[in-house]
PDB file of N, CA and C in Angstrom:
ATOM      1  N   MET A   1     -30.666-136.785-145.174  1.00  0.00           N
ATOM      2  CA  MET A   1     -32.004-137.147-145.072  1.00  0.00           C
ATOM      3  C   MET A   1     -32.271-138.504-145.691  1.00  0.00           C
ATOM      4  N   TYR A   2     -31.652-138.933-146.647  1.00  0.00           N
ATOM      5  CA  TYR A   2     -32.013-140.389-147.580  1.00  0.00           C
ATOM      6  C   TYR A   2     -31.700-141.162-146.076  1.00  0.00           C
ATOM      7  N   GLN A   3     -30.579-141.268-145.388  1.00  0.00           N
ATOM      8  CA  GLN A   3     -30.486-142.229-144.193  1.00  0.00           C
ATOM      9  C   GLN A   3     -31.380-142.315-143.288  1.00  0.00           C
ATOM     10  N   ARG A   4     -31.926-141.141-142.887  1.00  0.00           N
ATOM     11  CA  ARG A   4     -32.759-140.943-141.852  1.00  0.00           C
ATOM     12  C   ARG A   4     -34.244-141.674-142.137  1.00  0.00           C
ATOM     13  N   ILE A   5     -34.587-141.451-143.482  1.00  0.00           N
ATOM     14  CA  ILE A   5     -35.784-142.022-144.068  1.00  0.00           C
ATOM     15  C   ILE A   5     -35.642-143.591-143.967  1.00  0.00           C
ATOM     16  N   ARG A   6     -34.555-144.087-144.490  1.00  0.00           N
ATOM     17  CA  ARG A   6     -34.326-145.482-144.203  1.00  0.00           C
ATOM     18  C   ARG A   6     -34.162-146.078-142.876  1.00  0.00           C
ATOM     19  N   ASP A   7     -33.601-145.245-141.766  1.00  0.00           N
ATOM     20  CA  ASP A   7     -33.248-145.831-140.575  1.00  0.00           C
ATOM     21  C   ASP A   7     -35.023-145.645-139.718  1.00  0.00           C
ATOM     22  N   LEU A   8     -35.695-144.478-140.266  1.00  0.00           N
ATOM     23  CA  LEU A   8     -37.136-144.671-139.645  1.00  0.00           C
ATOM     24  C   LEU A   8     -37.765-145.856-140.187  1.00  0.00           C
ATOM     25  N   ARG A   9     -37.702-146.126-141.550  1.00  0.00           N
ATOM     26  CA  ARG A   9     -38.446-147.178-141.964  1.00  0.00           C
ATOM     27  C   ARG A   9     -38.239-148.556-141.395  1.00  0.00           C
ATOM     28  N   GLU A  10     -36.767-148.728-141.244  1.00  0.00           N
ATOM     29  CA  GLU A  10     -36.194-150.140-140.689  1.00  0.00           C
ATOM     30  C   GLU A  10     -36.462-150.110-139.104  1.00  0.00           C
ATOM     31  N   ASP A  11     -36.732-149.183-138.397  1.00  0.00           N
ATOM     32  CA  ASP A  11     -36.895-148.907-136.934  1.00  0.00           C
ATOM     33  C   ASP A  11     -38.346-149.571-136.881  1.00  0.00           C
ATOM     34  N   ARG A  12     -39.261-149.324-137.888  1.00  0.00           N
ATOM     35  CA  ARG A  12     -40.645-149.547-137.726  1.00  0.00           C
ATOM     36  C   ARG A  12     -40.733-150.974-138.687  1.00  0.00           C
ATOM     37  N   ASP A  13     -39.695-151.737-139.042  1.00  0.00           N
ATOM     38  CA  ASP A  13     -39.943-153.195-139.553  1.00  0.00           C
ATOM     39  C   ASP A  13     -40.678-152.993-140.557  1.00  0.00           C
ATOM     40  N   ILE A  14     -40.794-152.175-141.628  1.00  0.00           N
ATOM     41  CA  ILE A  14     -41.690-151.942-142.414  1.00  0.00           C
ATOM     42  C   ILE A  14     -40.975-152.130-143.769  1.00  0.00           C
ATOM     43  N   SER A  15     -41.495-152.783-145.027  1.00  0.00           N
ATOM     44  CA  SER A  15     -40.725-152.844-146.310  1.00  0.00           C
ATOM     45  C   SER A  15     -40.860-151.362-146.923  1.00  0.00           C
ATOM     46  N   GLN A  16     -39.871-151.812-148.097  1.00  0.00           N
ATOM     47  CA  GLN A  16     -40.136-150.435-148.991  1.00  0.00           C
ATOM     48  C   GLN A  16     -41.509-150.370-149.803  1.00  0.00           C
ATOM     49  N   THR A  17     -41.808-151.629-149.949  1.00  0.00           N
ATOM     50  CA  THR A  17     -43.084-151.788-150.964  1.00  0.00           C
ATOM     51  C   THR A  17     -44.379-151.600-150.095  1.00  0.00           C
ATOM     52  N   LYS A  18     -44.309-151.963-148.834  1.00  0.00           N
ATOM     53  CA  LYS A  18     -45.543-151.447-147.575  1.00  0.00           C
ATOM     54  C   LYS A  18     -45.723-149.926-147.614  1.00  0.00           C
ATOM     55  N   LEU A  19     -44.290-149.461-147.453  1.00  0.00           N
ATOM     56  CA  LEU A  19     -44.587-147.910-147.145  1.00  0.00           C
ATOM     57  C   LEU A  19     -44.960-147.090-148.602  1.00  0.00           C
ATOM     58  N   ALA A  20     -44.343-147.389-149.495  1.00  0.00           N
ATOM     59  CA  ALA A  20     -44.398-146.734-150.821  1.00  0.00           C
ATOM     60  C   ALA A  20     -46.210-147.063-150.905  1.00  0.00           C
ATOM     61  N   LYS A  21     -46.809-147.972-150.831  1.00  0.00           N
ATOM     62  CA  LYS A  21     -48.232-148.347-150.944  1.00  0.00           C
ATOM     63  C   LYS A  21     -48.863-147.228-150.151  1.00  0.00           C
ATOM     64  N   ILE A  22     -48.465-147.126-148.682  1.00  0.00           N
ATOM     65  CA  ILE A  22     -48.953-146.411-148.081  1.00  0.00           C
ATOM     66  C   ILE A  22     -49.014-144.853-148.464  1.00  0.00           C
ATOM     67  N   LEU A  23     -48.003-144.633-149.177  1.00  0.00           N
ATOM     68  CA  LEU A  23     -47.738-143.337-149.550  1.00  0.00           C
ATOM     69  C   LEU A  23     -48.307-143.213-151.134  1.00  0.00           C
ATOM     70  N   GLY A  24     -48.476-144.273-151.791  1.00  0.00           N
ATOM     71  CA  GLY A  24     -49.596-144.121-152.740  1.00  0.00           C
ATOM     72  C   GLY A  24     -48.704-144.022-154.130  1.00  0.00           C
ATOM     73  N   MET A  25     -47.538-144.725-154.079  1.00  0.00           N
ATOM     74  CA  MET A  25     -46.502-144.483-154.937  1.00  0.00           C
ATOM     75  C   MET A  25     -46.030-146.133-155.284  1.00  0.00           C
ATOM     76  N   SER A  26     -44.972-146.264-156.508  1.00  0.00           N
ATOM     77  CA  SER A  26     -44.485-147.501-156.514  1.00  0.00           C
ATOM     78  C   SER A  26     -43.607-147.689-155.472  1.00  0.00           C
ATOM     79  N   GLN A  27     -42.550-149.141-155.269  1.00  0.00           N
ATOM     80  CA  GLN A  27     -41.762-149.202-154.782  1.00  0.00           C
ATOM     81  C   GLN A  27     -40.237-148.615-155.036  1.00  0.00           C
ATOM     82  N   THR A  28     -40.152-148.669-156.392  1.00  0.00           N
ATOM     83  CA  THR A  28     -39.098-148.180-157.275  1.00  0.00           C
ATOM     84  C   THR A  28     -38.810-146.644-156.780  1.00  0.00           C
ATOM     85  N   GLY A  29     -39.902-146.004-157.187  1.00  0.00           N
ATOM     86  CA  GLY A  29     -40.043-144.542-156.618  1.00  0.00           C
ATOM     87  C   GLY A  29     -39.712-144.431-155.295  1.00  0.00           C
ATOM     88  N   TYR A  30     -39.928-145.045-154.418  1.00  0.00           N
ATOM     89  CA  TYR A  30     -39.700-144.801-153.014  1.00  0.00           C
ATOM     90  C   TYR A  30     -38.251-145.099-152.877  1.00  0.00           C
ATOM     91  N   SER A  31     -38.057-146.340-153.105  1.00  0.00           N
ATOM     92  CA  SER A  31     -36.588-146.592-153.450  1.00  0.00           C
ATOM     93  C   SER A  31     -35.622-145.684-153.941  1.00  0.00           C
ATOM     94  N   LYS A  32     -35.649-144.937-154.638  1.00  0.00           N
ATOM     95  CA  LYS A  32     -35.118-143.682-155.248  1.00  0.00           C
ATOM     96  C   LYS A  32     -34.978-142.759-154.148  1.00  0.00           C
ATOM     97  N   TYR A  33     -35.871-142.422-153.278  1.00  0.00           N
ATOM     98  CA  TYR A  33     -35.896-141.322-152.333  1.00  0.00           C
ATOM     99  C   TYR A  33     -34.870-141.663-151.244  1.00  0.00           C
ATOM    100  N   GLU A  34     -35.031-142.929-151.156  1.00  0.00           N
ATOM    101  CA  GLU A  34     -33.919-143.567-149.797  1.00  0.00           C
ATOM    102  C   GLU A  34     -32.368-143.665-150.495  1.00  0.00           C
ATOM    103  N   THR A  35     -32.120-143.980-151.747  1.00  0.00           N
ATOM    104  CA  THR A  35     -30.641-143.790-152.233  1.00  0.00           C
ATOM    105  C   THR A  35     -30.290-142.451-152.641  1.00  0.00           C
ATOM    106  N   GLY A  36     -31.425-141.346-152.729  1.00  0.00           N
ATOM    107  CA  GLY A  36     -30.938-139.861-152.923  1.00  0.00           C
ATOM    108  C   GLY A  36     -30.738-139.881-154.658  1.00  0.00           C
ATOM    109  N   GLU A  37     -31.316-140.788-155.139  1.00  0.00           N
ATOM    110  CA  GLU A  37     -31.238-140.723-156.542  1.00  0.00           C
ATOM    111  C   GLU A  37     -32.677-139.530-156.998  1.00  0.00           C
ATOM    112  N   ASN A  38     -33.630-139.319-156.248  1.00  0.00           N
ATOM    113  CA  ASN A  38     -34.578-138.437-156.306  1.00  0.00           C
ATOM    114  C   ASN A  38     -34.801-137.463-155.217  1.00  0.00           C
ATOM    115  N   ASP A  39     -34.902-136.206-155.338  1.00  0.00           N
ATOM    116  CA  ASP A  39     -35.384-135.346-154.033  1.00  0.00           C
ATOM    117  C   ASP A  39     -36.952-135.845-153.784  1.00  0.00           C
ATOM    118  N   ILE A  40     -36.889-135.670-152.463  1.00  0.00           N
ATOM    119  CA  ILE A  40     -38.370-136.240-152.034  1.00  0.00           C
ATOM    120  C   ILE A  40     -39.233-134.833-151.987  1.00  0.00           C
ATOM    121  N   PRO A  41     -40.289-134.920-152.714  1.00  0.00           N
ATOM    122  CA  PRO A  41     -41.175-133.758-152.678  1.00  0.00           C
ATOM    123  C   PRO A  41     -41.777-133.472-151.289  1.00  0.00           C
ATOM    124  N   THR A  42     -42.332-132.003-151.188  1.00  0.00           N
ATOM    125  CA  THR A  42     -42.675-131.591-149.846  1.00  0.00           C
ATOM    126  C   THR A  42     -43.880-132.412-149.618  1.00  0.00           C
ATOM    127  N   SER A  43     -44.670-132.819-150.393  1.00  0.00           N
ATOM    128  CA  SER A  43     -46.021-133.340-150.264  1.00  0.00           C
ATOM    129  C   SER A  43     -45.360-134.934-149.464  1.00  0.00           C
ATOM    130  N   ILE A  44     -44.671-135.539-149.754  1.00  0.00           N
ATOM    131  CA  ILE A  44     -44.042-136.886-149.403  1.00  0.00           C
ATOM    132  C   ILE A  44     -43.243-136.643-148.037  1.00  0.00           C
ATOM    133  N   LEU A  45     -42.585-135.467-147.911  1.00  0.00           N
ATOM    134  CA  LEU A  45     -42.027-135.368-146.519  1.00  0.00           C
ATOM    135  C   LEU A  45     -42.909-135.257-145.774  1.00  0.00           C
ATOM    136  N   ILE A  46     -43.892-134.510-145.673  1.00  0.00           N
ATOM    137  CA  ILE A  46     -45.097-134.269-144.964  1.00  0.00           C
ATOM    138  C   ILE A  46     -45.652-135.432-144.502  1.00  0.00           C
ATOM    139  N   LYS A  47     -46.113-136.132-145.674  1.00  0.00           N
ATOM    140  CA  LYS A  47     -46.743-137.638-145.267  1.00  0.00           C
ATOM    141  C   LYS A  47     -45.678-138.335-144.460  1.00  0.00           C
ATOM    142  N   LEU A  48     -44.333-138.543-144.733  1.00  0.00           N
ATOM    143  CA  LEU A  48     -43.408-139.226-143.985  1.00  0.00           C
ATOM    144  C   LEU A  48     -43.378-138.736-142.569  1.00  0.00           C
ATOM    145  N   ALA A  49     -43.346-137.536-142.252  1.00  0.00           N
ATOM    146  CA  ALA A  49     -43.412-136.861-141.124  1.00  0.00           C
ATOM    147  C   ALA A  49     -44.574-137.425-140.167  1.00  0.00           C
ATOM    148  N   LEU A  50     -45.504-137.154-140.761  1.00  0.00           N
ATOM    149  CA  LEU A  50     -47.083-137.576-139.922  1.00  0.00           C
ATOM    150  C   LEU A  50     -46.923-139.113-139.617  1.00  0.00           C
ATOM    151  N   TYR A  51     -46.695-139.834-140.947  1.00  0.00           N
ATOM    152  CA  TYR A  51     -46.686-141.377-140.601  1.00  0.00           C
ATOM    153  C   TYR A  51     -45.655-141.805-139.530  1.00  0.00           C
ATOM    154  N   TYR A  52     -44.258-141.410-139.528  1.00  0.00           N
ATOM    155  CA  TYR A  52     -43.408-141.500-138.377  1.00  0.00           C
ATOM    156  C   TYR A  52     -43.584-140.673-137.110  1.00  0.00           C
ATOM    157  N   ASN A  53     -44.526-140.049-137.121  1.00  0.00           N
ATOM    158  CA  ASN A  53     -44.733-139.031-135.755  1.00  0.00           C
ATOM    159  C   ASN A  53     -43.568-138.503-135.639  1.00  0.00           C
ATOM    160  N   THR A  54     -42.949-137.446-136.485  1.00  0.00           N
ATOM    161  CA  THR A  54     -41.679-136.910-136.239  1.00  0.00           C
ATOM    162  C   THR A  54     -42.131-135.706-137.358  1.00  0.00           C
ATOM    163  N   SER A  55     -40.970-134.875-137.089  1.00  0.00           N
ATOM    164  CA  SER A  55     -40.927-133.554-137.791  1.00  0.00           C
ATOM    165  C   SER A  55     -40.384-133.351-139.297  1.00  0.00           C
ATOM    166  N   VAL A  56     -40.530-132.596-139.997  1.00  0.00           N
ATOM    167  CA  VAL A  56     -39.972-132.533-141.238  1.00  0.00           C
ATOM    168  C   VAL A  56     -38.511-132.275-140.969  1.00  0.00           C
ATOM    169  N   ASP A  57     -38.227-131.483-140.125  1.00  0.00           N
ATOM    170  CA  ASP A  57     -36.591-130.940-139.647  1.00  0.00           C
ATOM    171  C   ASP A  57     -36.163-132.120-139.396  1.00  0.00           C
ATOM    172  N   TYR A  58     -36.774-132.849-138.676  1.00  0.00           N
ATOM    173  CA  TYR A  58     -35.914-134.241-138.161  1.00  0.00           C
ATOM    174  C   TYR A  58     -35.628-135.029-139.709  1.00  0.00           C
ATOM    175  N   ILE A  59     -36.536-135.151-140.490  1.00  0.00           N
ATOM    176  CA  ILE A  59     -36.195-136.010-141.761  1.00  0.00           C
ATOM    177  C   ILE A  59     -35.142-135.285-142.452  1.00  0.00           C
ATOM    178  N   LEU A  60     -35.073-133.877-142.360  1.00  0.00           N
ATOM    179  CA  LEU A  60     -33.992-133.238-143.178  1.00  0.00           C
ATOM    180  C   LEU A  60     -32.821-132.854-142.566  1.00  0.00           C
ATOM    181  N   GLY A  61     -32.535-133.492-141.499  1.00  0.00           N
ATOM    182  CA  GLY A  61     -31.299-133.738-140.575  1.00  0.00           C
ATOM    183  C   GLY A  61     -31.155-131.946-139.919  1.00  0.00           C
ATOM    184  N   LEU A  62     -32.128-131.218-140.017  1.00  0.00           N
ATOM    185  CA  LEU A  62     -31.974-129.893-139.383  1.00  0.00           C
ATOM    186  C   LEU A  62     -31.890-129.897-137.627  1.00  0.00           C
ATOM    187  N   THR A  63     -32.532-131.150-137.380  1.00  0.00           N
ATOM    188  CA  THR A  63     -32.531-131.361-135.585  1.00  0.00           C
ATOM    189  C   THR A  63     -32.439-132.833-135.748  1.00  0.00           C
ATOM    190  N   ASN A  64     -31.923-132.898-134.289  1.00  0.00           N
ATOM    191  CA  ASN A  64     -31.755-134.405-133.677  1.00  0.00           C
ATOM    192  C   ASN A  64     -32.846-135.115-132.862  1.00  0.00           C
ATOM    193  N   GLU A  65     -33.763-134.222-132.911  1.00  0.00           N
ATOM    194  CA  GLU A  65     -34.862-134.303-131.976  1.00  0.00           C
ATOM    195  C   GLU A  65     -35.970-135.375-132.820  1.00  0.00           C
ATOM    196  N   LYS A  66     -36.119-136.509-132.591  1.00  0.00           N
ATOM    197  CA  LYS A  66     -37.259-137.024-133.315  1.00  0.00           C
ATOM    198  C   LYS A  66     -38.541-136.687-132.894  1.00  0.00           C
ATOM    199  N   GLU A  67     -38.730-136.300-131.877  1.00  0.00           N
ATOM    200  CA  GLU A  67     -40.294-135.997-131.262  1.00  0.00           C
ATOM    201  C   GLU A  67     -40.786-134.912-132.090  1.00  0.00           C
ATOM    202  N   ARG A  68     -42.071-134.662-132.474  1.00  0.00           N
ATOM    203  CA  ARG A  68     -42.740-133.762-133.214  1.00  0.00           C
ATOM    204  C   ARG A  68     -42.778-132.388-132.123  1.00  0.00           C
ATOM    205  N   TYR A  69     -42.662-131.345-132.721  1.00  0.00           N
ATOM    206  CA  TYR A  69     -42.833-130.199-131.838  1.00  0.00           C
ATOM    207  C   TYR A  69     -44.349-129.983-131.300  1.00  0.00           C
ATOM    208  N   PRO A  70     -44.530-129.448-129.954  1.00  0.00           N
ATOM    209  CA  PRO A  70     -45.549-129.551-129.284  1.00  0.00           C
ATOM    210  C   PRO A  70     -46.855-128.644-129.833  1.00  0.00           C
TER     211      PRO A  70
END
């Protein structure tokens, strides 16, 4: 899951700082999600899925389909 959120961010060419601002948090806090130091709260998972137009299942590694469900 942690690698997936990093890959999604890098695919969009967005910095941790910019994404953290979008999520309403600090860069340090977001960085800890990408390294696995902190678990990602459900509310942040939902925000990430909406931002990247993907599913929470994809972020969690339950599916390899990036596309959101119809």
